[in-house]
Protein backbone atom coordinates (compact mmCIF):
# COMPACT_ATOMS: atom_id res chain seq x y z
CA MET A 1 9.33 8.38 8.79
CA PRO A 2 10.71 7.29 12.43
CA HIS A 3 9.41 8.54 15.56
CA HIS A 4 9.75 12.34 15.94
CA PRO A 5 8.79 14.39 18.92
CA ARG A 6 6.00 15.88 17.15
CA LEU A 7 4.21 12.10 16.96
CA ALA A 8 3.89 12.20 20.94
CA LEU A 9 0.13 12.64 20.44
CA SER A 10 -2.44 12.20 23.32
CA ALA A 11 -3.02 8.44 23.10
CA LEU A 12 -6.82 9.38 24.16
CA ALA A 13 -7.48 11.73 21.77
CA PHE A 14 -5.88 10.11 18.70
CA GLY A 15 -7.59 6.99 19.71
CA VAL A 16 -11.02 8.58 19.99
CA LEU A 17 -10.49 9.97 16.12
CA ILE A 18 -8.91 6.70 15.05
CA GLY A 19 -12.35 4.97 16.42
CA VAL A 20 -14.67 7.31 14.51
CA GLY A 21 -12.63 7.27 11.34
CA GLY A 22 -15.08 5.14 9.79
CA LEU A 23 -17.68 7.66 9.88
CA PHE A 24 -15.86 9.67 7.15
CA HIS A 25 -15.62 7.15 4.45
CA ALA A 26 -18.36 8.67 2.87
CA GLY A 27 -17.08 12.44 3.09
CA HIS A 28 -13.85 11.57 1.10
CA ALA A 29 -13.36 13.99 -1.57
CA GLY A 30 -11.74 12.66 -5.03
CA ALA A 31 -11.98 12.11 -8.80
CA ARG A 32 -15.45 10.98 -10.33
CA GLY A 33 -16.35 8.61 -13.37
CA ASP A 34 -13.56 5.90 -14.06
CA ASN A 35 -11.05 7.50 -11.53
CA ALA A 36 -13.53 7.13 -8.73
CA LEU A 37 -12.54 5.30 -5.69
CA SER A 38 -14.65 3.17 -3.44
CA PHE A 39 -13.62 2.27 -0.12
CA VAL A 40 -13.05 -1.35 0.14
CA GLN A 41 -12.27 -2.48 3.90
CA THR A 42 -9.32 -1.37 6.55
CA TYR A 43 -7.86 -4.53 8.27
CA VAL A 44 -5.71 -4.00 11.40
CA TRP A 45 -3.01 -6.33 11.58
CA LYS A 46 -1.21 -6.97 14.77
CA ARG A 47 1.93 -8.88 16.06
CA SER A 48 3.16 -9.11 19.36
CA GLU A 49 7.00 -9.33 18.05
CA PRO A 50 9.36 -5.97 19.73
CA SER A 51 10.12 -5.42 15.84
CA PHE A 52 6.76 -5.19 14.79
CA GLY A 53 5.26 -1.94 13.10
CA GLY A 54 6.63 1.08 11.92
CA PHE A 55 5.85 -0.23 8.17
CA SER A 56 6.55 2.34 5.26
CA GLY A 57 6.64 0.56 1.79
CA LEU A 58 4.44 -1.94 0.32
CA GLU A 59 4.23 -4.18 -2.94
CA LEU A 60 1.81 -6.89 -3.76
CA SER A 61 1.86 -9.79 -6.07
CA ASP A 62 -0.45 -9.16 -9.22
CA ASP A 63 -3.24 -11.02 -7.32
CA GLY A 64 -2.62 -8.80 -4.40
CA ARG A 65 -2.42 -11.69 -1.84
CA ASP A 66 1.59 -12.04 -1.38
CA PHE A 67 2.98 -8.95 0.16
CA ILE A 68 6.37 -7.71 0.92
CA THR A 69 6.89 -4.74 3.26
CA GLN A 70 9.50 -3.13 4.94
CA SER A 71 9.89 -1.06 8.64
CA ASP A 72 11.69 2.00 9.04
CA ARG A 73 14.17 0.32 11.15
CA ALA A 74 15.60 -1.89 8.59
CA THR A 75 13.65 -4.80 8.59
CA ILE A 76 11.90 -6.60 5.54
CA TRP A 77 8.71 -8.81 6.17
CA ARG A 78 7.36 -11.10 3.48
CA GLY A 79 3.48 -12.83 4.16
CA HIS A 80 0.34 -13.71 2.61
CA LEU A 81 -2.63 -12.06 2.72
CA ASN A 82 -6.10 -14.36 3.47
CA ARG A 83 -8.97 -13.20 1.18
CA ASP A 84 -12.41 -14.13 1.05
CA ALA A 85 -14.76 -14.76 -2.13
CA GLU A 86 -14.96 -10.96 -2.43
CA GLY A 87 -11.29 -10.00 -2.42
CA ARG A 88 -11.31 -8.97 1.36
CA ILE A 89 -8.70 -9.61 3.57
CA THR A 90 -9.48 -12.25 6.25
CA GLY A 91 -5.80 -12.78 7.73
CA VAL A 92 -2.07 -11.85 7.62
CA GLU A 93 0.40 -14.80 7.39
CA THR A 94 4.11 -14.04 7.85
CA ALA A 95 7.37 -15.80 8.58
CA GLY A 96 8.47 -12.46 10.76
CA PRO A 97 11.50 -10.16 9.81
CA VAL A 98 14.74 -10.23 8.01
CA VAL A 99 17.25 -7.75 8.95
CA LEU A 100 18.60 -5.62 6.25
CA HIS A 101 22.25 -5.19 5.74
CA ASP A 102 24.79 -2.70 4.07
CA SER A 103 26.96 -3.57 1.12
CA SER A 104 29.61 -4.67 3.08
CA GLY A 105 27.31 -7.27 5.12
CA LYS A 106 26.92 -5.22 8.48
CA VAL A 107 23.45 -4.97 9.82
CA LEU A 108 22.21 -1.39 9.45
CA LYS A 109 21.80 0.44 12.56
CA GLY A 110 20.56 4.25 13.10
CA ALA A 111 20.95 6.72 10.60
CA THR A 112 22.11 4.35 7.86
CA GLY A 113 19.15 1.86 8.94
CA ASP A 114 16.32 4.58 8.13
CA SER A 115 14.77 2.37 5.24
CA GLU A 116 11.49 4.16 3.91
CA GLY A 117 10.68 3.36 0.13
CA LEU A 118 10.35 -0.08 -1.26
CA ALA A 119 10.06 -1.36 -4.96
CA MET A 120 10.26 -4.80 -5.97
CA ALA A 121 11.82 -6.01 -9.26
CA PRO A 122 10.65 -8.51 -11.88
CA ASP A 123 12.94 -11.16 -10.34
CA GLY A 124 11.17 -10.65 -6.71
CA SER A 125 14.25 -8.84 -5.31
CA VAL A 126 13.85 -5.04 -3.93
CA TYR A 127 14.96 -1.50 -3.80
CA ILE A 128 14.96 0.36 -1.10
CA SER A 129 15.44 4.13 -0.43
CA PHE A 130 16.86 5.24 2.75
CA GLU A 131 15.98 9.01 4.17
CA GLY A 132 18.61 8.93 6.93
CA ILE A 133 21.59 9.11 4.80
CA ALA A 134 19.77 9.56 1.46
CA ARG A 135 20.51 6.42 -1.00
CA VAL A 136 18.76 3.85 -2.93
CA ALA A 137 20.01 0.11 -2.53
CA HIS A 138 19.20 -3.07 -4.17
CA TYR A 139 18.91 -6.16 -2.64
CA PRO A 140 18.98 -9.49 -4.29
CA ARG A 141 18.46 -11.39 -1.18
CA ASP A 142 16.56 -9.97 1.75
CA ASP A 143 19.42 -11.24 3.95
CA GLY A 144 22.27 -10.47 1.77
CA PRO A 145 24.28 -7.60 1.49
CA ALA A 146 23.24 -4.43 -0.48
CA GLU A 147 24.35 -3.56 -3.79
CA ARG A 148 24.65 0.23 -3.70
CA LEU A 149 23.40 2.68 -6.30
CA PRO A 150 25.44 5.79 -7.34
CA ARG A 151 24.48 8.56 -4.97
CA PRO A 152 24.11 12.02 -6.78
CA GLU A 153 25.50 15.03 -5.01
CA ALA A 154 21.92 15.96 -4.79
CA PHE A 155 20.84 13.08 -2.52
CA ARG A 156 23.85 14.24 0.22
CA GLN A 157 22.17 18.00 0.30
CA MET A 158 18.76 16.54 1.32
CA GLN A 159 17.37 17.12 4.96
CA THR A 160 18.13 14.75 7.24
CA ASN A 161 14.77 12.48 8.22
CA SER A 162 12.97 13.91 5.42
CA SER A 163 14.73 12.83 2.27
CA LEU A 164 13.84 9.50 -0.04
CA GLU A 165 10.43 8.44 1.04
CA ALA A 166 8.77 6.98 -1.82
CA LEU A 167 9.95 4.98 -4.14
CA ALA A 168 8.47 3.08 -7.15
CA ILE A 169 9.66 0.97 -10.38
CA ALA A 170 8.23 1.25 -13.99
CA PRO A 171 6.99 -1.44 -16.16
CA ASP A 172 10.16 -0.87 -18.08
CA GLY A 173 12.41 -1.51 -14.69
CA THR A 174 13.03 2.40 -14.45
CA LEU A 175 13.27 3.54 -10.82
CA TYR A 176 11.20 6.74 -9.56
CA THR A 177 12.31 8.32 -5.94
CA MET A 178 11.14 11.70 -4.55
CA PRO A 179 12.15 13.32 -1.26
CA GLU A 180 9.41 14.02 1.97
CA ARG A 181 10.33 17.72 1.79
CA SER A 182 11.39 19.94 -0.96
CA GLY A 183 13.35 22.31 1.06
CA ALA A 184 10.94 25.00 0.93
CA THR A 185 6.93 25.27 1.17
CA ALA A 186 6.90 27.12 -2.46
CA ALA A 187 9.50 24.71 -4.29
CA PRO A 188 8.19 21.55 -6.35
CA PHE A 189 9.14 18.26 -5.19
CA PRO A 190 11.96 16.87 -7.45
CA VAL A 191 11.42 13.40 -9.14
CA TRP A 192 14.41 11.44 -9.68
CA ARG A 193 14.88 8.61 -12.03
CA TYR A 194 17.56 5.95 -11.91
CA ARG A 195 17.91 3.75 -15.64
CA ASN A 196 20.97 2.51 -17.26
CA GLY A 197 23.26 3.07 -14.18
CA LYS A 198 22.83 6.93 -14.02
CA TRP A 199 20.22 9.09 -12.27
CA ASP A 200 18.58 12.31 -13.50
CA GLN A 201 16.01 14.60 -12.49
CA PRO A 202 13.66 14.94 -15.54
CA PHE A 203 10.61 16.76 -13.57
CA SER A 204 9.06 18.00 -10.62
CA ILE A 205 5.56 17.77 -8.80
CA PRO A 206 4.16 20.81 -7.60
CA ARG A 207 3.91 21.41 -3.76
CA ALA A 208 0.47 21.89 -2.61
CA GLY A 209 0.11 22.86 1.18
CA SER A 210 1.37 21.17 3.68
CA TRP A 211 0.88 17.78 1.70
CA LEU A 212 4.18 15.62 1.79
CA PRO A 213 5.17 12.08 -0.60
CA VAL A 214 5.38 9.27 1.32
CA GLY A 215 4.65 6.25 -0.94
CA ALA A 216 4.58 5.52 -4.93
CA ASP A 217 3.77 2.73 -6.86
CA PHE A 218 3.05 2.29 -10.93
CA GLY A 219 -0.61 0.65 -11.48
CA PRO A 220 -1.44 -2.09 -13.92
CA ASP A 221 -2.56 0.62 -15.92
CA GLY A 222 1.02 2.09 -16.15
CA ARG A 223 0.23 4.99 -14.35
CA PHE A 224 2.15 6.91 -11.40
CA TYR A 225 0.10 7.02 -8.38
CA LEU A 226 1.49 8.89 -5.66
CA LEU A 227 0.55 8.94 -1.55
CA GLU A 228 0.53 12.19 0.40
CA ARG A 229 0.33 12.66 4.18
CA ASP A 230 -0.82 15.92 6.12
CA PHE A 231 -0.44 15.70 10.09
CA TRP A 232 -2.77 17.61 11.62
CA GLY A 233 -1.57 17.32 15.42
CA LEU A 234 -4.39 16.12 17.89
CA LEU A 235 -6.76 15.36 14.89
CA GLY A 236 -4.13 12.95 13.32
CA PHE A 237 -3.54 12.31 9.75
CA ARG A 238 -4.96 13.18 6.64
CA THR A 239 -4.34 11.08 3.42
CA ARG A 240 -4.57 12.00 -0.29
CA ILE A 241 -3.63 10.19 -3.51
CA GLN A 242 -2.69 11.49 -7.08
CA VAL A 243 -2.41 10.15 -10.28
CA PHE A 244 0.00 11.01 -13.03
CA ASP A 245 0.86 10.06 -16.47
CA ILE A 246 4.82 9.92 -17.19
CA ARG A 247 5.80 10.00 -20.61
CA GLY A 248 9.70 10.21 -21.50
CA ASP A 249 10.75 13.53 -19.81
CA ARG A 250 7.21 15.00 -18.94
CA ILE A 251 4.76 14.06 -16.11
CA SER A 252 0.71 15.15 -16.38
CA GLY A 253 -0.94 17.33 -13.91
CA GLY A 254 -2.00 15.29 -10.96
CA GLU A 255 -5.45 14.30 -10.44
CA VAL A 256 -6.55 13.97 -6.97
CA LEU A 257 -8.15 10.31 -6.32
CA LEU A 258 -8.77 10.55 -2.52
CA GLU A 259 -8.52 12.95 0.13
CA THR A 260 -9.76 12.10 3.53
CA LEU A 261 -10.27 13.91 6.86
CA PRO A 262 -7.93 14.29 9.76
CA GLY A 263 -8.20 10.75 11.77
CA THR A 264 -9.93 8.62 9.18
CA TYR A 265 -6.97 6.55 8.89
CA ASP A 266 -3.47 6.23 10.65
CA ASN A 267 -0.45 7.30 9.23
CA LEU A 268 -0.52 5.50 5.58
CA GLU A 269 2.84 5.43 4.00
CA GLY A 270 2.93 2.61 1.65
CA ILE A 271 0.91 1.99 -1.09
CA ALA A 272 0.60 -0.77 -3.81
CA LEU A 273 -1.59 -1.66 -6.57
CA TRP A 274 -3.24 -4.60 -8.45
CA ARG A 275 -5.99 -6.13 -10.39
CA ASP A 276 -8.68 -8.09 -8.23
CA ALA A 277 -10.73 -11.07 -9.97
CA THR A 278 -13.09 -8.78 -11.62
CA GLY A 279 -10.32 -6.90 -13.28
CA ALA A 280 -11.00 -3.90 -11.33
CA ILE A 281 -7.52 -2.03 -10.11
CA ARG A 282 -7.33 -2.03 -6.00
CA LEU A 283 -5.21 0.27 -4.40
CA THR A 284 -3.78 -1.11 -0.98
CA MET A 285 -2.23 1.01 1.65
CA ILE A 286 -0.27 0.12 5.00
CA SER A 287 0.22 2.56 7.85
CA ASP A 288 3.40 3.12 9.76
CA ASP A 289 2.48 3.22 13.41
CA ASN A 290 5.71 4.53 14.78
CA GLN A 291 5.73 1.67 17.16
CA ASN A 292 3.57 3.93 19.30
CA PHE A 293 0.97 1.95 21.27
CA PHE A 294 -1.53 4.35 20.51
CA GLN A 295 -1.09 3.96 16.84
CA THR A 296 -2.42 1.51 14.55
CA THR A 297 -0.74 -0.98 11.88
CA GLU A 298 -3.53 -1.51 9.23
CA PHE A 299 -4.28 -2.34 5.45
CA VAL A 300 -6.67 0.49 3.59
CA GLU A 301 -8.10 -0.57 0.46
CA TYR A 302 -9.80 0.95 -2.33
CA ARG A 303 -11.05 0.02 -5.72
CA LEU A 304 -10.79 2.08 -9.00
CA GLY A 305 -13.86 2.80 -11.37
CA LYS A 306 -17.50 3.18 -11.25
């Protein structure tokens, strides 16, 4: 999500917490056995362009090297992750941002340009969800006009700056999206599904405390992975990942794979899954620095399995 007054943290306090975040890798709570996660790396990505930062979505190629990300200020970036022999990120190459347009070809600005969720179709085109004016659009070309998807009445009733934050595409091409806020602390998060030209809302995901959904992806195993965030003020951000099985109109109970302490990472909002050269599933995340000088744009990676 874009800059909010509550994110005007103390630069010194936040910087100290981020700096010691590496101490907490061993303290993560999560699943065991085949669903256990092991930390791979954190890689800080820096660029000098004024438009750099604010990344809230992520998609990766099957080998984890080519990537797409978009900022919450209506720009999309495609690039390449250089990796060493063990698959660790060693550098990032990108041609820079492409500005997103609406369906009439006009540049998106303000509330119309709050792009939050990202999903890549099999042909390489992208779907993007927006939370200023809640909607999902298809972009056959990054620099071309958007193709509007239907906008249910329920989208119009969602909270401003807290609507369609997470977006994922299933192996069969079905889109799933959900709002960042459910409307009440006891209300579950509705999951919306788009297929055959229509939206429906087959199920919800229970709300747990102050955790909010910010990113989602389907893994190579066909399971639905949900990235969540919890903000603790001067202590920084917490990160949680749950995994679900979706079968028709039903979703399983979520299994928590990762839950971090405050300040371990920056504001992780985008997630993508892929298989590395060993056949293991990796989870790669990217942070939204809100374009604040005291926050960081970083890639964070974990490996799934024993």
